[in-house]
Amino acid sequence: MIKLFKSIDAASLWIETRLWATELMADDRSIPTTYSPYAGELPARDKIADVYTAGYLQATERHLRFATARLRLRLSPGATILDFGCGIGSSVRSLLAQGYNAFGVDVLEYWGRDFDKYWLIGDKPPAEIAERLKLVNPANYRLPFDDGTFDFCFSDQVFEHIFDYKTTMSEIVRVLKPGGISLHNFPGPNNLMEGHVGLPFPWLCFSRSYLTLCAWISVIRGTETDWRGRVRSNTEIMRFNNYPTKAKLRKIARSAGVEITFLEVDAFMFRGGGRAAPMLKWLRKIKLDRLAVQIAGLVLLQRYMLLKAPPTAQREVRG
C-alpha cells in the first residue's frame, strides 16, 4: 500500500512537471505574470441570467463548515470574515445575517460605479452592504485593511484570475489574525475542462492556435458559424485567466513567507463525495476510498488551498 501511495505521488509530480513544461511551450502570452488585465480599462458587458448566486452561497457555507468542523477553526458570533472576490456582496449579506462581521473585496466596484461591468443580472446591494465592500487596486493588490483584522478569509473561483500571487498571498496573511486561516477553491491546469471557454485542457487554452482549431471543429460540427469571432472572444476571456501549477504556487508561497497546503482530497471526502458517495462507501470497506479520490482528483478536483502564516510567524506574533 505504501508503494502504491508513492506511485500516486510520483504520478502527480509527473503531471505537474509536464504541465510546467507545457506552460513554457504552449503559452502564447508575453505579459509578465504579475501584470493584471483588470488594471486596464474594461468595457461594459452584456449581463447574463443569474444562475450562480445560489451555488456561490452554498459554497460559502461549505467553506465555513470545512474551516470549523474539519480544521477546527473557532468562529464565534461576531467573528470577522473576508470574502476575497465578493462581486456585489451576496455572501457578505448572508454572513451578516448569520451574525458574523463580514466584509468583501474585489478588483472592480461591481456594487457601485462598475455595476455595468458585472456579468449577472441583478440589483445593486443596499448601502449598508455596499459600505462593507472595498475596492482592491489590481496594480498593487494592497488590501484596504489593518494588520490582523480577520479571523477567516475565503474565495471561490477567484485565484485563477490572480496575476501577482506573491503579493496576494502575503496580503491575505497580513490581514489575518494570529491563528486565522484562509481557504481558496479554484481550478488548476490539471482539470479536464477550462470552465470559462468550455474547452478541454486549460493549459492549452492560452494558445491561439489551439483556440482556432477548436473553433474550426465547432464550425464543422455545426455548433458555430463565426469561427473568427469565437477565437477573438475566447482569446479575450483567457486573457483574464492564470493557471500556475501547484509546484509554482508552492515556490511563490515560500518566497512570500507564507504557508499553503492543498486539501482538495480531504474536502471532497469530508463533504461525503457527492454523487460518488455510494462508490466511496464501498471502497471505504477495503480502505481504498482515499486512494481512489487521489487518483480521480488528478483531473477532476479543483484546487482547495489552505493559506496561512507559517507556524514560526504565528509564534512570533503571539510572543
Foldseek 3Di string as FASTA:
>chain_A
DVVLVVVLVVVLVVVQVVLVVLLVVQFPDPDALLDAPLLDDDDQDEADAPPPLVVVLVVVVLQVCCCCVVVVQDDDQQAEEEEEAQQLNPNVVVVVVVRYNYAYEHQDLCLPPNVSNRHHDDDRDDPVRSVRYYHANSNQRADPDAFQAHQEYEYEAPVQQHRQLLRNLLNVQRNHHQNHKYKYWHAAQQAQADPVLGHGRLSNLSHLVVLLVVLVVCVVVVNDDDSVVSSVVSNVSCSRGHHRGPVVSCVSCVVSQKDKDWCQLVSCVVVQNPPCNVVLVVVVVVPCNSVVCSVVCSHHGTTIMMIYHDPVVSVVVVD
